[in-house]
C-alpha atoms as a PDB file:
ATOM      1  CA  MET A   1       0.036   0.302   0.056  1.00  0.00           C
ATOM      2  CA  MET A   2       1.455   3.128  -0.811  1.00  0.00           C
ATOM      3  CA  GLN A   3       1.081   6.119   1.555  1.00  0.00           C
ATOM      4  CA  HIS A   4       0.410   9.972   0.717  1.00  0.00           C
ATOM      5  CA  PRO A   5       1.430  12.441   2.615  1.00  0.00           C
ATOM      6  CA  SER A   6      -0.838  15.041   4.327  1.00  0.00           C
ATOM      7  CA  VAL A   7      -0.464  18.239   2.699  1.00  0.00           C
ATOM      8  CA  GLU A   8      -1.076  20.901   5.693  1.00  0.00           C
ATOM      9  CA  LYS A   9      -2.638  24.402   4.859  1.00  0.00           C
ATOM     10  CA  GLY A  10      -0.759  26.823   6.665  1.00  0.00           C
ATOM     11  CA  TRP A  11      -3.750  29.106   8.884  1.00  0.00           C
ATOM     12  CA  LEU A  12      -3.417  31.593   6.685  1.00  0.00           C
ATOM     13  CA  ARG A  13      -4.539  29.427   3.826  1.00  0.00           C
ATOM     14  CA  SER A  14      -7.620  28.405   5.672  1.00  0.00           C
ATOM     15  CA  ARG A  15     -10.684  29.882   4.845  1.00  0.00           C
ATOM     16  CA  ALA A  16     -10.825  31.931   8.103  1.00  0.00           C
ATOM     17  CA  GLY A  17      -7.541  33.268   7.195  1.00  0.00           C
ATOM     18  CA  LEU A  18      -8.536  33.980   3.805  1.00  0.00           C
ATOM     19  CA  ALA A  19     -11.468  35.988   5.475  1.00  0.00           C
ATOM     20  CA  LEU A  20      -9.096  37.819   7.641  1.00  0.00           C
ATOM     21  CA  LEU A  21      -6.524  38.988   5.066  1.00  0.00           C
ATOM     22  CA  GLY A  22      -9.389  40.090   2.961  1.00  0.00           C
ATOM     23  CA  PHE A  23     -10.884  41.778   6.115  1.00  0.00           C
ATOM     24  CA  LEU A  24      -7.383  43.425   6.876  1.00  0.00           C
ATOM     25  CA  GLY A  25      -7.253  44.530   2.912  1.00  0.00           C
ATOM     26  CA  ILE A  26     -10.237  46.704   3.009  1.00  0.00           C
ATOM     27  CA  ALA A  27      -9.383  48.051   6.493  1.00  0.00           C
ATOM     28  CA  ALA A  28      -5.895  49.292   5.499  1.00  0.00           C
ATOM     29  CA  PHE A  29      -7.311  50.621   2.281  1.00  0.00           C
ATOM     30  CA  PHE A  30      -9.818  53.188   4.148  1.00  0.00           C
ATOM     31  CA  LEU A  31      -7.870  54.011   6.631  1.00  0.00           C
ATOM     32  CA  VAL A  32      -5.262  55.315   3.771  1.00  0.00           C
ATOM     33  CA  THR A  33      -7.571  56.808   2.114  1.00  0.00           C
ATOM     34  CA  GLU A  34      -9.640  58.573   4.713  1.00  0.00           C
ATOM     35  CA  HIS A  35      -5.863  59.736   6.543  1.00  0.00           C
ATOM     36  CA  ARG A  36      -3.959  60.341   3.310  1.00  0.00           C
ATOM     37  CA  ALA A  37      -3.681  64.180   3.982  1.00  0.00           C
ATOM     38  CA  HIS A  38      -1.913  62.997   7.718  1.00  0.00           C
ATOM     39  CA  LEU A  39       0.577  60.145   5.766  1.00  0.00           C
ATOM     40  CA  TRP A  40       2.011  63.091   3.259  1.00  0.00           C
ATOM     41  CA  GLY A  41       2.041  65.517   6.761  1.00  0.00           C
ATOM     42  CA  ILE A  42       4.490  63.006   7.702  1.00  0.00           C
ATOM     43  CA  LEU A  43       6.504  61.949   4.869  1.00  0.00           C
ATOM     44  CA  PRO A  44       9.812  64.347   5.898  1.00  0.00           C
ATOM     45  CA  TYR A  45       9.722  63.218   9.145  1.00  0.00           C
ATOM     46  CA  LEU A  46      10.123  59.820   7.915  1.00  0.00           C
ATOM     47  CA  LEU A  47      13.133  60.903   5.400  1.00  0.00           C
ATOM     48  CA  LEU A  48      14.791  62.433   8.856  1.00  0.00           C
ATOM     49  CA  LEU A  49      14.732  59.250  10.693  1.00  0.00           C
ATOM     50  CA  ALA A  50      15.665  56.997   8.264  1.00  0.00           C
ATOM     51  CA  CYS A  51      18.958  59.496   7.411  1.00  0.00           C
ATOM     52  CA  PRO A  52      20.677  57.435  10.810  1.00  0.00           C
ATOM     53  CA  LEU A  53      19.392  54.170   9.301  1.00  0.00           C
ATOM     54  CA  LEU A  54      20.683  54.636   5.963  1.00  0.00           C
ATOM     55  CA  HIS A  55      24.407  56.095   8.011  1.00  0.00           C
ATOM     56  CA  LEU A  56      24.470  52.862   9.917  1.00  0.00           C
ATOM     57  CA  LEU A  57      24.070  50.431   6.784  1.00  0.00           C
ATOM     58  CA  MET A  58      26.283  52.883   4.303  1.00  0.00           C
ATOM     59  CA  HIS A  59      29.169  52.357   7.473  1.00  0.00           C
ATOM     60  CA  ARG A  60      28.903  48.670   7.768  1.00  0.00           C
ATOM     61  CA  GLY A  61      32.370  47.687   6.123  1.00  0.00           C
ATOM     62  CA  HIS A  62      34.458  49.956   7.443  1.00  0.00           C
ATOM     63  CA  GLY A  63      37.760  49.186   8.506  1.00  0.00           C
ATOM     64  CA  ARG A  64      37.382  46.271   6.253  1.00  0.00           C
ATOM     65  CA  HIS A  65      39.689  47.248   3.374  1.00  0.00           C
ATOM     66  CA  GLY A  66      40.668  44.625   1.324  1.00  0.00           C
ATOM     67  CA  GLY A  67      44.170  44.347   0.384  1.00  0.00           C
ATOM     68  CA  HIS A  68      45.821  47.305   2.877  1.00  0.00           C
ATOM     69  CA  GLY A  69      47.891  45.025   4.915  1.00  0.00           C
ATOM     70  CA  GLU A  70      47.296  41.613   6.396  1.00  0.00           C
ATOM     71  CA  ASP A  71      44.412  42.368   8.873  1.00  0.00           C
ATOM     72  CA  GLY A  72      43.856  45.835   7.675  1.00  0.00           C
ATOM     73  CA  ALA A  73      44.055  47.129  11.575  1.00  0.00           C
ATOM     74  CA  GLY A  74      46.388  50.300  11.758  1.00  0.00           C
ATOM     75  CA  ASP A  75      45.481  51.556   8.523  1.00  0.00           C
ATOM     76  CA  THR A  76      44.354  54.586   9.289  1.00  0.00           C
ATOM     77  CA  ALA A  77      46.316  56.849   6.498  1.00  0.00           C
ATOM     78  CA  PRO A  78      43.652  58.326   3.495  1.00  0.00           C
ATOM     79  CA  HIS A  79      43.306  57.386   0.874  1.00  0.00           C
ATOM     80  CA  ALA A  80      44.103  59.039  -2.605  1.00  0.00           C
ATOM     81  CA  HIS A  81      41.492  59.769  -5.539  1.00  0.00           C
ATOM     82  CA  PRO A  82      42.892  59.908  -8.567  1.00  0.00           C
ATOM     83  CA  SER A  83      41.634  63.789  -9.832  1.00  0.00           C
ATOM     84  CA  LYS A  84      39.891  63.812 -13.140  1.00  0.00           C
ATOM     85  CA  GLY A  85      42.367  64.547 -15.565  1.00  0.00           C
ATOM     86  CA  GLU A  86      44.967  61.721 -13.717  1.00  0.00           C
ATOM     87  CA  ARG A  87      44.962  58.472 -14.840  1.00  0.00           C
ATOM     88  CA  THR A  88      45.486  55.503 -12.940  1.00  0.00           C
END
């Protein structure tokens, strides 16, 4: 006899889960349409709050410059960048 593995559906794939997702989608739509003016007013503050997060993400690799010695420690000299007319 060959047994088929039981296929378990996730909770969100059940009828109750799909109904909940539908109601949440409708609620989100009405919240956005009714409070659009408030959302536009908060946008500049969200951009300012994103600055520290972007700063942390962009400076993630500092101190790990490859090819500058054995472990890269003690390499505090500024890196020279070629000027516009200078060839590398």
